[in-house]
PDB file of N, CA and C in Angstrom:
ATOM      1  N   MET A   1     -23.660  32.343  27.294  1.00  0.00           N
ATOM      2  CA  MET A   1     -23.066  31.591  28.266  1.00  0.00           C
ATOM      3  C   MET A   1     -23.486  30.605  28.497  1.00  0.00           C
ATOM      4  N   ARG A   2     -22.781  29.738  29.098  1.00  0.00           N
ATOM      5  CA  ARG A   2     -22.882  27.853  28.326  1.00  0.00           C
ATOM      6  C   ARG A   2     -23.192  27.419  30.293  1.00  0.00           C
ATOM      7  N   ASP A   3     -23.786  26.860  30.487  1.00  0.00           N
ATOM      8  CA  ASP A   3     -25.440  25.725  31.751  1.00  0.00           C
ATOM      9  C   ASP A   3     -24.208  24.853  32.102  1.00  0.00           C
ATOM     10  N   ARG A   4     -24.766  24.308  32.974  1.00  0.00           N
ATOM     11  CA  ARG A   4     -24.115  22.955  33.429  1.00  0.00           C
ATOM     12  C   ARG A   4     -23.820  21.821  32.586  1.00  0.00           C
ATOM     13  N   THR A   5     -25.411  21.507  32.139  1.00  0.00           N
ATOM     14  CA  THR A   5     -25.118  20.456  31.156  1.00  0.00           C
ATOM     15  C   THR A   5     -24.056  20.461  29.974  1.00  0.00           C
ATOM     16  N   SER A   6     -24.065  21.446  29.671  1.00  0.00           N
ATOM     17  CA  SER A   6     -22.932  21.128  28.511  1.00  0.00           C
ATOM     18  C   SER A   6     -21.404  21.281  28.401  1.00  0.00           C
ATOM     19  N   ASP A   7     -21.420  20.768  29.798  1.00  0.00           N
ATOM     20  CA  ASP A   7     -19.944  20.259  30.496  1.00  0.00           C
ATOM     21  C   ASP A   7     -20.224  19.191  30.897  1.00  0.00           C
ATOM     22  N   GLN A   8     -21.250  18.568  30.543  1.00  0.00           N
ATOM     23  CA  GLN A   8     -21.276  16.894  31.031  1.00  0.00           C
ATOM     24  C   GLN A   8     -20.914  15.732  30.195  1.00  0.00           C
ATOM     25  N   HIS A   9     -20.375  16.139  29.395  1.00  0.00           N
ATOM     26  CA  HIS A   9     -19.509  14.843  27.988  1.00  0.00           C
ATOM     27  C   HIS A   9     -18.979  14.762  28.618  1.00  0.00           C
ATOM     28  N   ARG A  10     -17.525  15.551  28.505  1.00  0.00           N
ATOM     29  CA  ARG A  10     -16.451  15.129  28.899  1.00  0.00           C
ATOM     30  C   ARG A  10     -16.444  14.331  30.006  1.00  0.00           C
ATOM     31  N   PRO A  11     -17.094  13.717  32.078  1.00  0.00           N
ATOM     32  CA  PRO A  11     -17.187  13.209  32.595  1.00  0.00           C
ATOM     33  C   PRO A  11     -18.286  11.547  32.043  1.00  0.00           C
ATOM     34  N   ALA A  12     -18.758  12.330  31.300  1.00  0.00           N
ATOM     35  CA  ALA A  12     -19.381  11.403  30.992  1.00  0.00           C
ATOM     36  C   ALA A  12     -18.816   9.968  29.541  1.00  0.00           C
ATOM     37  N   LEU A  13     -18.175  10.193  29.545  1.00  0.00           N
ATOM     38  CA  LEU A  13     -17.001   9.660  28.016  1.00  0.00           C
ATOM     39  C   LEU A  13     -15.938   9.113  28.871  1.00  0.00           C
ATOM     40  N   GLU A  14     -15.487  10.020  30.086  1.00  0.00           N
ATOM     41  CA  GLU A  14     -14.759   9.034  30.037  1.00  0.00           C
ATOM     42  C   GLU A  14     -15.252   8.270  31.258  1.00  0.00           C
ATOM     43  N   ARG A  15     -16.390   8.120  32.320  1.00  0.00           N
ATOM     44  CA  ARG A  15     -17.261   7.003  32.151  1.00  0.00           C
ATOM     45  C   ARG A  15     -16.605   5.625  30.875  1.00  0.00           C
ATOM     46  N   LYS A  16     -17.445   6.090  30.805  1.00  0.00           N
ATOM     47  CA  LYS A  16     -18.133   5.085  29.121  1.00  0.00           C
ATOM     48  C   LYS A  16     -16.255   4.421  29.156  1.00  0.00           C
ATOM     49  N   LEU A  17     -14.965   5.490  28.755  1.00  0.00           N
ATOM     50  CA  LEU A  17     -13.737   5.006  28.537  1.00  0.00           C
ATOM     51  C   LEU A  17     -13.426   4.230  29.573  1.00  0.00           C
ATOM     52  N   GLY A  18     -13.577   4.729  31.089  1.00  0.00           N
ATOM     53  CA  GLY A  18     -12.348   4.307  31.879  1.00  0.00           C
ATOM     54  C   GLY A  18     -11.798   4.924  32.540  1.00  0.00           C
ATOM     55  N   ARG A  19     -11.325   5.822  31.774  1.00  0.00           N
ATOM     56  CA  ARG A  19     -10.019   6.301  32.232  1.00  0.00           C
ATOM     57  C   ARG A  19     -10.423   8.136  31.349  1.00  0.00           C
ATOM     58  N   PRO A  20      -9.368   9.013  31.431  1.00  0.00           N
ATOM     59  CA  PRO A  20      -9.670  10.716  32.137  1.00  0.00           C
ATOM     60  C   PRO A  20      -9.437   9.826  30.205  1.00  0.00           C
ATOM     61  N   LEU A  21     -10.084  11.558  29.792  1.00  0.00           N
ATOM     62  CA  LEU A  21      -9.848  11.753  27.753  1.00  0.00           C
ATOM     63  C   LEU A  21      -7.653  12.541  28.443  1.00  0.00           C
ATOM     64  N   LYS A  22      -7.705  11.981  27.175  1.00  0.00           N
ATOM     65  CA  LYS A  22      -6.043  12.492  27.885  1.00  0.00           C
ATOM     66  C   LYS A  22      -6.155  14.102  26.901  1.00  0.00           C
ATOM     67  N   SER A  23      -4.961  14.634  27.357  1.00  0.00           N
ATOM     68  CA  SER A  23      -5.111  16.080  27.098  1.00  0.00           C
ATOM     69  C   SER A  23      -5.464  16.749  25.087  1.00  0.00           C
ATOM     70  N   ASN A  24      -4.605  15.919  24.739  1.00  0.00           N
ATOM     71  CA  ASN A  24      -5.167  16.271  23.167  1.00  0.00           C
ATOM     72  C   ASN A  24      -7.016  15.466  22.400  1.00  0.00           C
ATOM     73  N   GLU A  25      -7.604  14.926  23.236  1.00  0.00           N
ATOM     74  CA  GLU A  25      -8.657  14.428  22.757  1.00  0.00           C
ATOM     75  C   GLU A  25      -9.632  15.126  23.467  1.00  0.00           C
ATOM     76  N   VAL A  26     -10.805  14.890  22.653  1.00  0.00           N
ATOM     77  CA  VAL A  26     -12.217  16.229  23.011  1.00  0.00           C
ATOM     78  C   VAL A  26     -13.568  14.897  22.820  1.00  0.00           C
ATOM     79  N   ALA A  27     -14.704  15.390  23.553  1.00  0.00           N
ATOM     80  CA  ALA A  27     -15.514  14.356  23.341  1.00  0.00           C
ATOM     81  C   ALA A  27     -16.279  15.153  22.558  1.00  0.00           C
ATOM     82  N   ASP A  28     -16.328  14.191  21.092  1.00  0.00           N
ATOM     83  CA  ASP A  28     -17.073  14.237  20.281  1.00  0.00           C
ATOM     84  C   ASP A  28     -18.653  13.654  20.550  1.00  0.00           C
ATOM     85  N   HIS A  29     -19.351  14.540  19.648  1.00  0.00           N
ATOM     86  CA  HIS A  29     -20.434  13.884  19.637  1.00  0.00           C
ATOM     87  C   HIS A  29     -21.841  13.600  18.030  1.00  0.00           C
ATOM     88  N   VAL A  30     -21.603  12.130  18.280  1.00  0.00           N
ATOM     89  CA  VAL A  30     -21.782  11.356  17.315  1.00  0.00           C
ATOM     90  C   VAL A  30     -22.908  11.673  16.393  1.00  0.00           C
ATOM     91  N   ASN A  31     -23.762  12.435  16.729  1.00  0.00           N
ATOM     92  CA  ASN A  31     -25.145  13.325  15.775  1.00  0.00           C
ATOM     93  C   ASN A  31     -25.235  13.994  16.074  1.00  0.00           C
ATOM     94  N   MET A  32     -23.773  14.516  16.662  1.00  0.00           N
ATOM     95  CA  MET A  32     -24.196  16.637  16.925  1.00  0.00           C
ATOM     96  C   MET A  32     -25.456  16.749  17.245  1.00  0.00           C
ATOM     97  N   ASP A  33     -25.561  16.101  18.647  1.00  0.00           N
ATOM     98  CA  ASP A  33     -26.440  16.585  19.578  1.00  0.00           C
ATOM     99  C   ASP A  33     -26.190  16.841  20.548  1.00  0.00           C
ATOM    100  N   LYS A  34     -25.813  18.641  21.218  1.00  0.00           N
ATOM    101  CA  LYS A  34     -24.594  18.484  21.854  1.00  0.00           C
ATOM    102  C   LYS A  34     -25.504  18.131  23.192  1.00  0.00           C
ATOM    103  N   ASP A  35     -26.543  18.592  23.445  1.00  0.00           N
ATOM    104  CA  ASP A  35     -26.847  18.186  24.467  1.00  0.00           C
ATOM    105  C   ASP A  35     -27.623  15.937  24.643  1.00  0.00           C
ATOM    106  N   ASP A  36     -27.217  15.717  23.844  1.00  0.00           N
ATOM    107  CA  ASP A  36     -27.359  13.754  24.456  1.00  0.00           C
ATOM    108  C   ASP A  36     -25.670  13.551  24.584  1.00  0.00           C
ATOM    109  N   ASN A  37     -26.177  13.238  26.172  1.00  0.00           N
ATOM    110  CA  ASN A  37     -23.995  13.190  26.688  1.00  0.00           C
ATOM    111  C   ASN A  37     -24.945  11.707  27.193  1.00  0.00           C
ATOM    112  N   THR A  38     -25.385  11.004  26.155  1.00  0.00           N
ATOM    113  CA  THR A  38     -25.304   9.191  26.439  1.00  0.00           C
ATOM    114  C   THR A  38     -24.490   8.652  25.603  1.00  0.00           C
ATOM    115  N   PRO A  39     -23.438   7.635  26.383  1.00  0.00           N
ATOM    116  CA  PRO A  39     -22.642   7.169  25.765  1.00  0.00           C
ATOM    117  C   PRO A  39     -22.942   6.317  24.774  1.00  0.00           C
ATOM    118  N   ALA A  40     -23.663   6.168  24.474  1.00  0.00           N
ATOM    119  CA  ALA A  40     -23.741   5.642  23.171  1.00  0.00           C
ATOM    120  C   ALA A  40     -23.271   6.916  21.930  1.00  0.00           C
ATOM    121  N   ASN A  41     -23.453   8.689  22.194  1.00  0.00           N
ATOM    122  CA  ASN A  41     -23.188   9.018  21.662  1.00  0.00           C
ATOM    123  C   ASN A  41     -22.168  10.074  21.342  1.00  0.00           C
ATOM    124  N   LEU A  42     -21.323   9.346  22.867  1.00  0.00           N
ATOM    125  CA  LEU A  42     -19.868  10.201  22.753  1.00  0.00           C
ATOM    126  C   LEU A  42     -18.943   8.654  22.234  1.00  0.00           C
ATOM    127  N   ARG A  43     -18.142   9.748  21.927  1.00  0.00           N
ATOM    128  CA  ARG A  43     -16.973   9.299  21.049  1.00  0.00           C
ATOM    129  C   ARG A  43     -15.801  10.055  21.095  1.00  0.00           C
ATOM    130  N   PRO A  44     -14.391   9.176  21.594  1.00  0.00           N
ATOM    131  CA  PRO A  44     -13.015  10.587  22.048  1.00  0.00           C
ATOM    132  C   PRO A  44     -12.291  10.527  20.519  1.00  0.00           C
ATOM    133  N   GLU A  45     -12.188  11.572  20.123  1.00  0.00           N
ATOM    134  CA  GLU A  45     -11.661  12.289  19.214  1.00  0.00           C
ATOM    135  C   GLU A  45     -10.432  13.216  19.193  1.00  0.00           C
ATOM    136  N   SER A  46      -9.493  13.024  18.202  1.00  0.00           N
ATOM    137  CA  SER A  46      -8.425  14.003  18.855  1.00  0.00           C
ATOM    138  C   SER A  46      -8.665  15.492  17.938  1.00  0.00           C
ATOM    139  N   ARG A  47      -8.190  16.297  19.176  1.00  0.00           N
ATOM    140  CA  ARG A  47      -8.437  18.185  19.070  1.00  0.00           C
ATOM    141  C   ARG A  47      -7.836  17.982  17.450  1.00  0.00           C
ATOM    142  N   SER A  48      -7.366  17.728  16.903  1.00  0.00           N
ATOM    143  CA  SER A  48      -6.715  18.064  15.499  1.00  0.00           C
ATOM    144  C   SER A  48      -8.168  17.908  14.310  1.00  0.00           C
ATOM    145  N   ASP A  49      -8.639  16.704  14.972  1.00  0.00           N
ATOM    146  CA  ASP A  49      -9.282  16.015  13.647  1.00  0.00           C
ATOM    147  C   ASP A  49     -10.656  16.327  14.455  1.00  0.00           C
ATOM    148  N   HIS A  50     -11.122  17.186  14.848  1.00  0.00           N
ATOM    149  CA  HIS A  50     -12.422  17.738  15.247  1.00  0.00           C
ATOM    150  C   HIS A  50     -12.699  18.850  14.859  1.00  0.00           C
ATOM    151  N   SER A  51     -10.944  19.400  15.024  1.00  0.00           N
ATOM    152  CA  SER A  51     -11.455  20.491  14.327  1.00  0.00           C
ATOM    153  C   SER A  51     -11.119  20.582  12.476  1.00  0.00           C
ATOM    154  N   LYS A  52     -10.815  20.012  12.433  1.00  0.00           N
ATOM    155  CA  LYS A  52     -10.784  19.852  10.609  1.00  0.00           C
ATOM    156  C   LYS A  52     -12.559  19.714  10.142  1.00  0.00           C
ATOM    157  N   ARG A  53     -12.694  18.614  11.503  1.00  0.00           N
ATOM    158  CA  ARG A  53     -14.357  18.447  11.441  1.00  0.00           C
ATOM    159  C   ARG A  53     -15.513  19.294  11.164  1.00  0.00           C
ATOM    160  N   HIS A  54     -14.767  20.377  12.624  1.00  0.00           N
ATOM    161  CA  HIS A  54     -15.849  20.981  12.812  1.00  0.00           C
ATOM    162  C   HIS A  54     -15.353  22.298  12.907  1.00  0.00           C
ATOM    163  N   GLY A  55     -14.428  22.960  11.437  1.00  0.00           N
ATOM    164  CA  GLY A  55     -13.838  23.714  11.940  1.00  0.00           C
ATOM    165  C   GLY A  55     -14.366  24.368  12.458  1.00  0.00           C
ATOM    166  N   THR A  56     -13.659  26.585  12.902  1.00  0.00           N
ATOM    167  CA  THR A  56     -14.141  27.638  13.492  1.00  0.00           C
ATOM    168  C   THR A  56     -13.663  28.515  12.013  1.00  0.00           C
ATOM    169  N   SER A  57     -13.630  28.331  10.552  1.00  0.00           N
ATOM    170  CA  SER A  57     -12.796  29.397  10.023  1.00  0.00           C
ATOM    171  C   SER A  57     -14.213  30.408   9.354  1.00  0.00           C
ATOM    172  N   ALA A  58     -13.302  31.518   9.226  1.00  0.00           N
ATOM    173  CA  ALA A  58     -13.527  32.507   9.182  1.00  0.00           C
ATOM    174  C   ALA A  58     -15.047  32.452   8.407  1.00  0.00           C
ATOM    175  N   ALA A  59     -14.858  31.737   7.138  1.00  0.00           N
ATOM    176  CA  ALA A  59     -15.968  31.569   6.166  1.00  0.00           C
ATOM    177  C   ALA A  59     -16.790  30.710   6.834  1.00  0.00           C
ATOM    178  N   LYS A  60     -16.781  29.779   7.314  1.00  0.00           N
ATOM    179  CA  LYS A  60     -18.004  29.167   8.323  1.00  0.00           C
ATOM    180  C   LYS A  60     -18.296  29.890   8.826  1.00  0.00           C
ATOM    181  N   ARG A  61     -17.886  30.108  10.375  1.00  0.00           N
ATOM    182  CA  ARG A  61     -18.106  31.240  11.360  1.00  0.00           C
ATOM    183  C   ARG A  61     -19.621  32.009  10.445  1.00  0.00           C
ATOM    184  N   THR A  62     -19.270  32.594   9.223  1.00  0.00           N
ATOM    185  CA  THR A  62     -20.007  33.337   8.769  1.00  0.00           C
ATOM    186  C   THR A  62     -21.210  32.805   8.282  1.00  0.00           C
ATOM    187  N   ALA A  63     -21.101  31.782   7.586  1.00  0.00           N
ATOM    188  CA  ALA A  63     -22.135  30.742   6.551  1.00  0.00           C
ATOM    189  C   ALA A  63     -23.220  30.932   7.375  1.00  0.00           C
ATOM    190  N   LEU A  64     -22.578  30.132   8.825  1.00  0.00           N
ATOM    191  CA  LEU A  64     -23.557  29.214   9.922  1.00  0.00           C
ATOM    192  C   LEU A  64     -24.236  31.088  10.600  1.00  0.00           C
ATOM    193  N   ILE A  65     -23.915  31.833  10.635  1.00  0.00           N
ATOM    194  CA  ILE A  65     -24.844  33.308  11.871  1.00  0.00           C
ATOM    195  C   ILE A  65     -25.251  33.120   9.908  1.00  0.00           C
ATOM    196  N   THR A  66     -25.086  33.461   9.101  1.00  0.00           N
ATOM    197  CA  THR A  66     -25.816  33.758   8.025  1.00  0.00           C
ATOM    198  C   THR A  66     -27.185  32.752   8.163  1.00  0.00           C
ATOM    199  N   LYS A  67     -27.091  32.183   7.854  1.00  0.00           N
ATOM    200  CA  LYS A  67     -27.902  30.409   7.969  1.00  0.00           C
ATOM    201  C   LYS A  67     -29.102  30.883   8.978  1.00  0.00           C
ATOM    202  N   ALA A  68     -28.179  31.170  10.407  1.00  0.00           N
ATOM    203  CA  ALA A  68     -29.279  31.379  12.082  1.00  0.00           C
ATOM    204  C   ALA A  68     -30.255  32.773  11.371  1.00  0.00           C
ATOM    205  N   LEU A  69     -29.343  33.565  10.948  1.00  0.00           N
ATOM    206  CA  LEU A  69     -30.681  34.614  10.436  1.00  0.00           C
ATOM    207  C   LEU A  69     -31.105  34.185   9.975  1.00  0.00           C
ATOM    208  N   LYS A  70     -31.102  34.020   8.983  1.00  0.00           N
ATOM    209  CA  LYS A  70     -32.261  33.422   7.458  1.00  0.00           C
ATOM    210  C   LYS A  70     -33.439  33.062   8.200  1.00  0.00           C
ATOM    211  N   GLY A  71     -33.478  31.912   9.310  1.00  0.00           N
ATOM    212  CA  GLY A  71     -34.128  31.271  10.545  1.00  0.00           C
ATOM    213  C   GLY A  71     -34.577  32.518  10.996  1.00  0.00           C
ATOM    214  N   VAL A  72     -33.841  33.020  12.011  1.00  0.00           N
ATOM    215  CA  VAL A  72     -34.512  33.565  12.340  1.00  0.00           C
ATOM    216  C   VAL A  72     -34.981  35.008  11.814  1.00  0.00           C
ATOM    217  N   HIS A  73     -35.140  35.550  10.205  1.00  0.00           N
ATOM    218  CA  HIS A  73     -36.317  36.553   9.881  1.00  0.00           C
ATOM    219  C   HIS A  73     -37.420  35.547   9.284  1.00  0.00           C
ATOM    220  N   LYS A  74     -36.762  34.465   8.727  1.00  0.00           N
ATOM    221  CA  LYS A  74     -37.987  33.204   8.150  1.00  0.00           C
ATOM    222  C   LYS A  74     -39.041  33.401   9.876  1.00  0.00           C
ATOM    223  N   HIS A  75     -38.647  33.244  10.549  1.00  0.00           N
ATOM    224  CA  HIS A  75     -39.881  33.163  11.984  1.00  0.00           C
ATOM    225  C   HIS A  75     -40.618  34.168  12.266  1.00  0.00           C
ATOM    226  N   GLU A  76     -39.160  35.762  12.053  1.00  0.00           N
ATOM    227  CA  GLU A  76     -40.304  36.360  12.368  1.00  0.00           C
ATOM    228  C   GLU A  76     -41.728  37.127  11.162  1.00  0.00           C
ATOM    229  N   ARG A  77     -41.033  35.985   9.868  1.00  0.00           N
ATOM    230  CA  ARG A  77     -42.328  36.437   8.920  1.00  0.00           C
ATOM    231  C   ARG A  77     -43.630  35.822   8.901  1.00  0.00           C
ATOM    232  N   MET A  78     -43.394  34.576  10.123  1.00  0.00           N
ATOM    233  CA  MET A  78     -44.707  33.801  10.777  1.00  0.00           C
ATOM    234  C   MET A  78     -45.881  34.696  11.025  1.00  0.00           C
ATOM    235  N   TYR A  79     -45.052  35.454  12.301  1.00  0.00           N
ATOM    236  CA  TYR A  79     -46.275  36.291  12.698  1.00  0.00           C
ATOM    237  C   TYR A  79     -47.234  37.685  11.974  1.00  0.00           C
TER     238      TYR A  79
END
């Protein structure tokens, strides 16, 4: 489930640029912190370039899930 703060990056970037984002543009977080919607952390990027950098290939999704689960198991062992 997405919350309202996750959708604030587009309007913040549009204010910074002084124009709406084009249909082929996304708001990219420079420091990769999706909660940091400060103008300095946002830049326009083509959907194509964004997908290449943050691709959602099956292998990448599996690697991210595996990494996340290792963190959960590590955290559980702490108790």
